Each structure stands twice: as structure tokens, then as C-alpha cells.
Amino acid sequence: MKLTDFDYYLPKDLIAQQPLSKRDESRLLVLHRKSSKIEDRTFRDIIEYLVPGDTLVLNDTKVFPARLFGVDGVKNKQVEILLHKNYQEQLWEVLIKPAKKVKVGTKLQFGDELKGEVIEKKGSRGYIKFEYEGDFFKTLDKVGKTPLPPYIKREAVESDIEQYQTIYARHLGAVAAPTAGFHFTHQLLKKISDKGVNLAFITLHVGIGTFSPIRKEHIIEHHMEEEYYEISSDTAEIINQTTGKIVVVGTTTVRALETASRNPKSKIQNPKSKIILSSGFTDLFIYPGFDFKVTDMLITNFHLPKTTLLILVSAFAGRENILSAYKHAINKGYRFYSYGDAMLII
């Protein structure tokens, strides 16, 4: 399979730049995999496709203000940093922009609260050792910004702190949001639960792999960035005891669950179990031909062309089905990407 097989044209005016004021009023495209039937609904209608005994699985990772603007103390030039991975208490792997003007040994000042030194660098990636007082994440609340995706052509504002976050976000650690969950409200989740649908939560901290393009023409040569995930024993038990369907919210949740289903220990503990208590790093790349062991239905947003996300949903629903559904969505004026509308694949 070639990367060009997962391309499509999207008018720029369909890329959502702002969230809707009411999350569950976004549009919902329902795609039936077997029949290729497409329905146009509103997201709050999602409850009609769920039945008692189903389990809805959501990613409760929380985005932190990972975007920093510092000043080179020698050149007095602004440098943009995107935090990626925390290796030690003060040491972070980062993306640097503009990369060419920053050298090893460069010292950066981020407001009055934070400073750091570049101790290693290769291309646009580097390692910075930070100096600060107190809690690092509380410091970031003062000097950092919400890391909006590059296709949102505006600066993050105060409202993005809440809007670029699911309403059930709990565990801090993501540099990008699991955007399929944006459409849920507390009221909608309560109605779903009251209907007899189980709610279960996993955590996968979305990393910069979300922004990383595929550079290989043959997609199977692509390697995913590692991302940390956790699945509790309670969540594993809920999933394993589900009598209905496993309805997965977002591609990040899919990757965590399907990784856990491939844990060899699960075969030793209970052959009937789909997953077990699991945590660690996953670099699972899902492309057509993949054997889904957990995911029965998928709630997702509309994804960029030629990305691992589009390839994943194509693996689940079929490439032709997905491209046909995207063409339908474009013709109907659906809003695309992070702050855009949603799709339910059944």
C-alpha cells in the first residue's frame, strides 16, 4: 500500500478554526461498514446507536500547556519549544523552532518563572534541562500555552484551555487532545450511562507523533512514535465482561486497547479475556489488514490526508468506505479536524 492511496482534497474553509459553543451539537456522520450506508445525524443522537450491555471506552488523558516561547539570552531572539517527553525531573525532549538558530549550550528564558539550557540537539529535536522552583506543571500554567495543531491558523486563547480538552480529562500528560471525545457533555454521558451502557476509561498520553508526517511512500515502512498508556484492572474487567459491543472513542483509545489485547500474559491468565491490566509504551501502527481484537464500533473525527489516523480508520472501515464517506462529508459541508464534526463507524 502506498501513501498516495490515502489522499484526498479538502477545501481550506472546512478546517474548523473554532469549537462549537455546545459540544454535542456537532454533526455526526454514521458509516455502516458492511453496507457502506451513510447517515447524517447530530452527535447527541449517538445514544440511539448504543444499547444496554455495550461499553463506551474513552481516553481520559489531559493536555498540558506544552508550547513555550523563550528568549535566547545571547542573541535576544524568540525560540518556540514544544515539550515532548520527560526523561528526568528537569530533562525534557522537545521540538525546537527555528531549529537552525539554536545550538547546544543555548540558554533560554521563559518569562520570570522558567529557564533552560539546550544540552543536546539533532535537527529540530533537542533536550533541554530546565530550572524552576516548585512544581513544573504549575509553572507551565503560568508561562505555557495550549499546543493547538498547526492547521488551526490562530494563536491559542484563554478559552482553548478548557475547549481543547475533553470534559472527562483527568491525567496530565498529553501535548495533543484525543479530539473524538470533544463532543461529549456531562449530560450526554449521564444519559448514556442511565441507558445501561458501561463507561470505561483508559489513558494514552498523545505525543508529537500526532503531528509527525509519514515520510515513506510504502506505509508499512513507517514507524510510530512511542506513547505511554495505562489500562487499569477495573477497565479491563468491564471490557472483558461486556455482553454487548465495545464502542471505542478515538484512535488513541483504539491503539491502547489493541496493544493490550496483544499482551502475551492475557493468554496465560484467561483465554476468554480480551485485555488485562496493562501499561507501558506503544508504537502500534494500525493499517489495512490489521486484525482488530477489541474494537467493535469507533467514534472518531475527520482526519488529515496521508496520516496514520486516516490509515487507522481505513483499516477499520475499509479504505473505499472511508474515502467515500469523506467525499460525502465534504459535499455536505462537515467541519474537519480537531474542532470539527464526528463520525461513528459501525
Protein backbone atom coordinates (compact mmCIF):
# COMPACT_ATOMS: atom_id res chain seq x y z
CA MET A 1 0.00 0.00 0.00
CA LYS A 2 1.22 3.45 -0.92
CA LEU A 3 0.79 6.68 0.99
CA THR A 4 -0.92 8.25 -2.02
CA ASP A 5 -3.74 5.73 -1.61
CA PHE A 6 -4.81 7.68 1.48
CA ASP A 7 -5.01 11.15 -0.02
CA TYR A 8 -8.00 13.41 -0.65
CA TYR A 9 -8.67 17.08 -1.36
CA LEU A 10 -10.18 19.24 1.39
CA PRO A 11 -11.23 22.87 0.87
CA LYS A 12 -9.48 25.01 3.49
CA ASP A 13 -12.72 26.62 4.59
CA LEU A 14 -13.86 23.26 6.02
CA ILE A 15 -10.99 23.14 8.53
CA ALA A 16 -12.62 24.15 11.82
CA GLN A 17 -10.79 27.04 13.49
CA GLN A 18 -13.11 27.37 16.50
CA PRO A 19 -15.07 24.86 18.61
CA LEU A 20 -18.85 24.92 18.71
CA SER A 21 -20.35 26.60 21.77
CA LYS A 22 -22.28 23.39 22.55
CA ARG A 23 -20.15 20.28 22.16
CA ASP A 24 -22.92 17.76 21.41
CA GLU A 25 -24.41 19.89 18.63
CA SER A 26 -21.63 18.93 16.24
CA ARG A 27 -22.69 16.87 13.24
CA LEU A 28 -22.33 13.09 13.19
CA LEU A 29 -21.73 11.04 10.06
CA VAL A 30 -22.71 7.41 10.65
CA LEU A 31 -20.93 4.90 8.39
CA HIS A 32 -22.13 1.31 8.19
CA ARG A 33 -19.12 -0.79 7.26
CA LYS A 34 -20.90 -3.76 5.71
CA SER A 35 -23.48 -1.92 3.62
CA SER A 36 -21.48 1.33 3.06
CA LYS A 37 -24.66 3.19 4.07
CA ILE A 38 -24.16 6.76 5.31
CA GLU A 39 -26.42 8.69 7.68
CA ASP A 40 -26.26 12.40 8.59
CA ARG A 41 -27.10 12.97 12.24
CA THR A 42 -26.29 15.22 15.20
CA PHE A 43 -23.77 13.99 17.77
CA ARG A 44 -26.25 13.79 20.63
CA ASP A 45 -28.03 11.13 18.51
CA ILE A 46 -25.11 8.81 19.32
CA ILE A 47 -27.18 7.38 22.16
CA GLU A 48 -29.56 5.82 19.61
CA TYR A 49 -26.76 3.55 18.35
CA LEU A 50 -25.84 2.30 21.83
CA VAL A 51 -27.74 -0.46 23.65
CA PRO A 52 -27.69 -1.79 27.23
CA GLY A 53 -24.69 -4.04 27.71
CA ASP A 54 -22.42 -2.05 25.40
CA THR A 55 -19.25 -0.47 26.79
CA LEU A 56 -18.08 3.00 25.79
CA VAL A 57 -14.30 3.34 26.22
CA LEU A 58 -12.77 6.84 26.45
CA ASN A 59 -9.25 8.26 26.80
CA ASP A 60 -9.00 10.46 29.91
CA THR A 61 -5.59 11.97 29.19
CA LYS A 62 -5.29 15.70 29.88
CA VAL A 63 -3.46 18.23 27.71
CA PHE A 64 -0.91 20.41 29.46
CA PRO A 65 0.39 23.81 28.21
CA ALA A 66 3.33 22.27 26.35
CA ARG A 67 4.02 25.18 24.00
CA LEU A 68 6.65 27.61 25.28
CA PHE A 69 8.12 30.82 23.90
CA GLY A 70 11.57 31.61 25.22
CA VAL A 71 14.25 34.20 24.56
CA ASP A 72 17.83 33.35 23.67
CA GLY A 73 19.80 35.27 26.28
CA VAL A 74 22.71 35.95 23.91
CA LYS A 75 21.00 36.66 20.59
CA ASN A 76 17.84 38.10 22.15
CA LYS A 77 15.77 36.09 19.66
CA GLN A 78 12.49 34.31 20.32
CA VAL A 79 12.53 30.50 20.27
CA GLU A 80 9.46 28.26 20.27
CA ILE A 81 9.56 24.97 22.18
CA LEU A 82 7.09 22.09 22.19
CA LEU A 83 7.60 19.72 25.10
CA HIS A 84 7.54 16.04 24.15
CA LYS A 85 8.88 13.55 26.71
CA ASN A 86 10.01 13.94 30.31
CA TYR A 87 13.05 11.73 30.97
CA GLN A 88 14.09 13.04 34.36
CA GLU A 89 12.65 15.60 36.73
CA GLN A 90 14.18 18.53 34.86
CA LEU A 91 15.10 16.97 31.49
CA TRP A 92 12.71 17.07 28.54
CA GLU A 93 12.90 16.06 24.91
CA VAL A 94 11.50 18.92 22.84
CA LEU A 95 10.84 20.22 19.35
CA ILE A 96 12.64 23.50 18.63
CA LYS A 97 11.66 26.25 16.19
CA PRO A 98 13.59 27.77 14.46
CA ALA A 99 15.90 24.80 14.87
CA LYS A 100 18.86 26.07 12.83
CA LYS A 101 19.44 29.08 15.06
CA VAL A 102 19.60 27.14 18.31
CA LYS A 103 22.83 25.39 19.32
CA VAL A 104 23.87 23.10 22.14
CA GLY A 105 24.57 25.34 25.12
CA THR A 106 21.91 27.92 24.21
CA LYS A 107 20.25 29.28 27.33
CA LEU A 108 16.59 30.24 27.15
CA GLN A 109 14.40 32.32 29.45
CA PHE A 110 10.66 31.64 29.59
CA GLY A 111 9.15 34.58 31.45
CA ASP A 112 10.24 35.05 35.03
CA GLU A 113 9.35 31.56 36.15
CA LEU A 114 11.37 29.22 33.99
CA LYS A 115 14.72 28.91 32.25
CA GLY A 116 16.50 26.12 30.45
CA GLU A 117 19.63 25.09 28.59
CA VAL A 118 19.85 23.05 25.39
CA ILE A 119 22.16 20.16 26.27
CA GLU A 120 21.70 18.05 23.12
CA LYS A 121 20.27 18.67 19.67
CA LYS A 122 19.70 16.84 16.40
CA GLY A 123 17.71 18.58 13.70
CA SER A 124 14.55 20.08 15.16
CA ARG A 125 14.68 17.82 18.20
CA GLY A 126 16.65 18.51 21.32
CA TYR A 127 16.94 18.03 25.05
CA ILE A 128 16.52 20.90 27.47
CA LYS A 129 17.36 20.89 31.16
CA PHE A 130 15.01 23.28 32.94
CA GLU A 131 15.43 25.30 36.11
CA TYR A 132 12.41 26.35 38.15
CA GLU A 133 11.05 26.48 41.67
CA GLY A 134 8.19 24.36 42.94
CA ASP A 135 6.03 22.19 40.69
CA PHE A 136 6.91 22.10 36.98
CA PHE A 137 3.34 21.80 35.71
CA LYS A 138 2.17 24.68 37.90
CA THR A 139 4.99 26.71 36.38
CA LEU A 140 3.78 25.75 32.90
CA ASP A 141 0.32 27.07 33.81
CA LYS A 142 1.96 30.48 34.12
CA VAL A 143 4.28 30.51 31.11
CA GLY A 144 3.00 27.83 28.71
CA LYS A 145 0.30 27.88 26.04
CA THR A 146 -2.18 25.29 24.79
CA PRO A 147 -0.48 23.46 21.87
CA LEU A 148 -3.11 23.85 19.17
CA PRO A 149 -2.49 21.83 15.97
CA PRO A 150 -0.68 23.68 13.15
CA TYR A 151 -3.76 23.69 10.88
CA ILE A 152 -5.57 25.97 13.33
CA LYS A 153 -4.32 29.28 11.99
CA ARG A 154 -4.61 31.40 15.10
CA GLU A 155 -2.95 31.75 18.46
CA ALA A 156 -4.38 29.88 21.43
CA VAL A 157 -6.65 31.99 23.62
CA GLU A 158 -7.82 31.55 27.19
CA SER A 159 -10.97 29.66 26.16
CA ASP A 160 -8.84 26.99 24.44
CA ILE A 161 -7.53 25.92 27.85
CA GLU A 162 -10.96 24.43 28.53
CA GLN A 163 -12.22 23.79 25.00
CA TYR A 164 -9.13 21.91 23.75
CA GLN A 165 -9.80 19.27 26.40
CA THR A 166 -12.39 16.56 26.91
CA ILE A 167 -14.81 17.15 29.78
CA TYR A 168 -13.55 13.94 31.45
CA ALA A 169 -9.79 14.71 31.14
CA ARG A 170 -8.03 13.71 34.36
CA HIS A 171 -4.45 12.54 33.88
CA LEU A 172 -2.00 15.24 32.82
CA GLY A 173 0.50 14.31 30.12
CA ALA A 174 -0.72 14.92 26.54
CA VAL A 175 0.57 17.51 24.06
CA ALA A 176 -2.47 16.96 21.84
CA ALA A 177 -6.05 16.15 22.77
CA PRO A 178 -7.96 12.94 21.98
CA THR A 179 -10.37 15.02 19.93
CA ALA A 180 -13.02 12.36 19.27
CA GLY A 181 -14.10 12.90 22.85
CA PHE A 182 -14.69 16.63 22.44
CA HIS A 183 -18.34 16.06 21.52
CA PHE A 184 -19.41 14.55 24.83
CA THR A 185 -21.05 16.58 27.57
CA HIS A 186 -21.66 15.54 31.18
CA GLN A 187 -25.38 15.38 30.42
CA LEU A 188 -24.89 13.15 27.37
CA LEU A 189 -22.59 10.76 29.24
CA LYS A 190 -25.15 10.52 32.06
CA LYS A 191 -27.92 9.66 29.58
CA ILE A 192 -25.68 7.00 28.04
CA SER A 193 -24.91 5.52 31.45
CA ASP A 194 -28.56 5.65 32.51
CA LYS A 195 -29.42 3.65 29.38
CA GLY A 196 -27.34 0.75 30.70
CA VAL A 197 -24.16 1.38 28.74
CA ASN A 198 -20.92 0.88 30.67
CA LEU A 199 -18.39 3.70 30.76
CA ALA A 200 -14.71 2.74 30.93
CA PHE A 201 -11.59 4.90 30.79
CA ILE A 202 -8.04 4.30 29.62
CA THR A 203 -5.16 6.76 29.49
CA LEU A 204 -2.90 7.30 26.49
CA HIS A 205 -0.80 10.45 26.54
CA VAL A 206 -0.88 11.77 22.98
CA GLY A 207 2.61 12.82 21.84
CA ILE A 208 4.18 14.66 18.94
CA GLY A 209 3.66 11.63 16.72
CA THR A 210 0.24 13.17 16.14
CA PHE A 211 1.97 15.96 14.20
CA SER A 212 4.62 13.77 12.54
CA PRO A 213 4.08 13.17 8.81
CA ILE A 214 4.61 9.81 7.16
CA ARG A 215 7.78 10.13 5.07
CA LYS A 216 7.73 6.65 3.50
CA GLU A 217 5.83 6.03 0.27
CA HIS A 218 5.17 2.42 1.32
CA ILE A 219 3.24 2.86 4.54
CA ILE A 220 4.38 -0.37 6.20
CA GLU A 221 7.87 1.15 6.43
CA HIS A 222 6.60 3.91 8.73
CA HIS A 223 7.47 3.73 12.44
CA MET A 224 5.15 5.29 15.03
CA GLU A 225 6.37 7.44 17.90
CA GLU A 226 6.04 5.70 21.25
CA GLU A 227 3.23 6.93 23.51
CA TYR A 228 2.62 5.99 27.13
CA TYR A 229 -0.65 4.27 28.04
CA GLU A 230 -2.33 2.77 31.09
CA ILE A 231 -5.31 0.42 31.37
CA SER A 232 -6.50 -0.26 34.90
CA SER A 233 -7.70 -3.62 36.17
CA ASP A 234 -11.18 -2.10 36.64
CA THR A 235 -11.35 -1.06 32.99
CA ALA A 236 -10.04 -4.43 31.84
CA GLU A 237 -12.71 -6.19 33.90
CA ILE A 238 -15.51 -4.01 32.48
CA ILE A 239 -14.35 -4.71 28.91
CA ASN A 240 -13.90 -8.43 29.46
CA GLN A 241 -17.37 -8.76 30.99
CA THR A 242 -19.12 -6.73 28.28
CA THR A 243 -22.10 -8.57 26.82
CA GLY A 244 -22.66 -6.05 24.03
CA LYS A 245 -20.25 -4.19 21.80
CA ILE A 246 -17.04 -2.35 22.66
CA VAL A 247 -17.56 1.19 21.39
CA VAL A 248 -14.19 2.94 21.26
CA VAL A 249 -13.84 6.72 21.35
CA GLY A 250 -10.86 7.87 19.29
CA THR A 251 -7.88 6.37 17.53
CA THR A 252 -5.70 6.76 20.64
CA THR A 253 -8.06 4.55 22.62
CA VAL A 254 -8.05 2.00 19.80
CA ARG A 255 -4.27 1.81 19.85
CA ALA A 256 -4.15 1.35 23.64
CA LEU A 257 -6.79 -1.39 23.67
CA GLU A 258 -5.42 -3.26 20.67
CA THR A 259 -1.92 -3.09 22.19
CA ALA A 260 -3.19 -4.54 25.44
CA SER A 261 -5.03 -7.32 23.58
CA ARG A 262 -1.70 -8.44 22.19
CA ASN A 263 -0.07 -8.72 25.61
CA PRO A 264 1.07 -12.37 25.79
CA LYS A 265 0.16 -12.54 29.50
CA SER A 266 -3.53 -12.29 28.61
CA LYS A 267 -3.40 -15.75 27.03
CA ILE A 268 -1.87 -17.18 30.21
CA GLN A 269 -4.31 -15.60 32.67
CA ASN A 270 -7.63 -16.12 30.93
CA PRO A 271 -8.05 -17.21 27.30
CA LYS A 272 -11.52 -15.60 27.23
CA SER A 273 -10.23 -12.18 28.28
CA LYS A 274 -9.76 -9.52 25.63
CA ILE A 275 -7.32 -7.46 27.69
CA ILE A 276 -5.70 -7.33 31.13
CA LEU A 277 -4.24 -4.69 33.41
CA SER A 278 -1.60 -3.14 31.18
CA SER A 279 0.72 -0.15 30.97
CA GLY A 280 3.81 0.91 29.09
CA PHE A 281 4.73 2.42 25.74
CA THR A 282 3.04 1.57 22.48
CA ASP A 283 4.25 2.19 18.94
CA LEU A 284 1.47 0.13 17.37
CA PHE A 285 0.81 1.24 13.78
CA ILE A 286 -2.57 0.10 12.51
CA TYR A 287 -3.04 -0.15 8.74
CA PRO A 288 -5.32 -2.18 6.41
CA GLY A 289 -5.09 -5.87 7.07
CA PHE A 290 -4.94 -5.36 10.84
CA ASP A 291 -6.89 -7.84 12.98
CA PHE A 292 -9.00 -5.85 15.47
CA LYS A 293 -9.47 -7.95 18.61
CA VAL A 294 -11.31 -5.44 20.84
CA THR A 295 -12.86 -2.63 18.79
CA ASP A 296 -16.43 -3.26 17.58
CA MET A 297 -17.53 0.33 16.86
CA LEU A 298 -15.47 3.50 16.54
CA ILE A 299 -16.22 7.16 17.23
CA THR A 300 -13.70 9.44 15.57
CA ASN A 301 -13.19 12.84 13.97
CA PHE A 302 -12.26 13.55 10.34
CA HIS A 303 -8.51 13.24 9.81
CA LEU A 304 -5.85 14.84 7.64
CA PRO A 305 -4.87 13.21 4.33
CA LYS A 306 -1.95 10.77 4.30
CA THR A 307 -1.79 10.40 8.10
CA THR A 308 -1.60 7.43 10.45
CA LEU A 309 -5.05 8.40 11.77
CA LEU A 310 -6.71 8.22 8.36
CA ILE A 311 -4.93 4.93 7.72
CA LEU A 312 -6.19 3.51 11.03
CA VAL A 313 -9.85 4.31 10.30
CA SER A 314 -9.35 2.90 6.80
CA ALA A 315 -8.10 -0.32 8.38
CA PHE A 316 -11.27 -0.48 10.47
CA ALA A 317 -13.88 0.53 7.90
CA GLY A 318 -12.17 -0.12 4.56
CA ARG A 319 -10.30 2.47 2.50
CA GLU A 320 -13.04 2.82 -0.12
CA ASN A 321 -15.72 3.28 2.54
CA ILE A 322 -13.69 5.97 4.30
CA LEU A 323 -12.82 7.93 1.16
CA SER A 324 -16.45 7.75 0.06
CA ALA A 325 -17.63 8.96 3.48
CA TYR A 326 -15.11 11.81 3.41
CA LYS A 327 -16.32 12.85 -0.05
CA HIS A 328 -19.88 12.85 1.28
CA ALA A 329 -18.82 14.92 4.31
CA ILE A 330 -17.07 17.48 2.11
CA ASN A 331 -20.09 17.79 -0.18
CA LYS A 332 -22.33 18.27 2.88
CA GLY A 333 -20.03 20.89 4.43
CA TYR A 334 -18.94 18.97 7.52
CA ARG A 335 -16.30 20.64 9.69
CA PHE A 336 -12.95 18.82 9.71
CA TYR A 337 -10.12 18.01 12.14
CA SER A 338 -9.73 18.73 15.86
CA TYR A 339 -12.55 21.22 16.41
CA GLY A 340 -14.65 19.66 13.65
CA ASP A 341 -17.51 17.16 13.42
CA ALA A 342 -17.55 13.46 14.22
CA MET A 343 -18.02 10.06 12.59
CA LEU A 344 -19.46 6.86 14.01
CA ILE A 345 -18.30 3.68 12.28
CA ILE A 346 -20.47 0.64 12.96
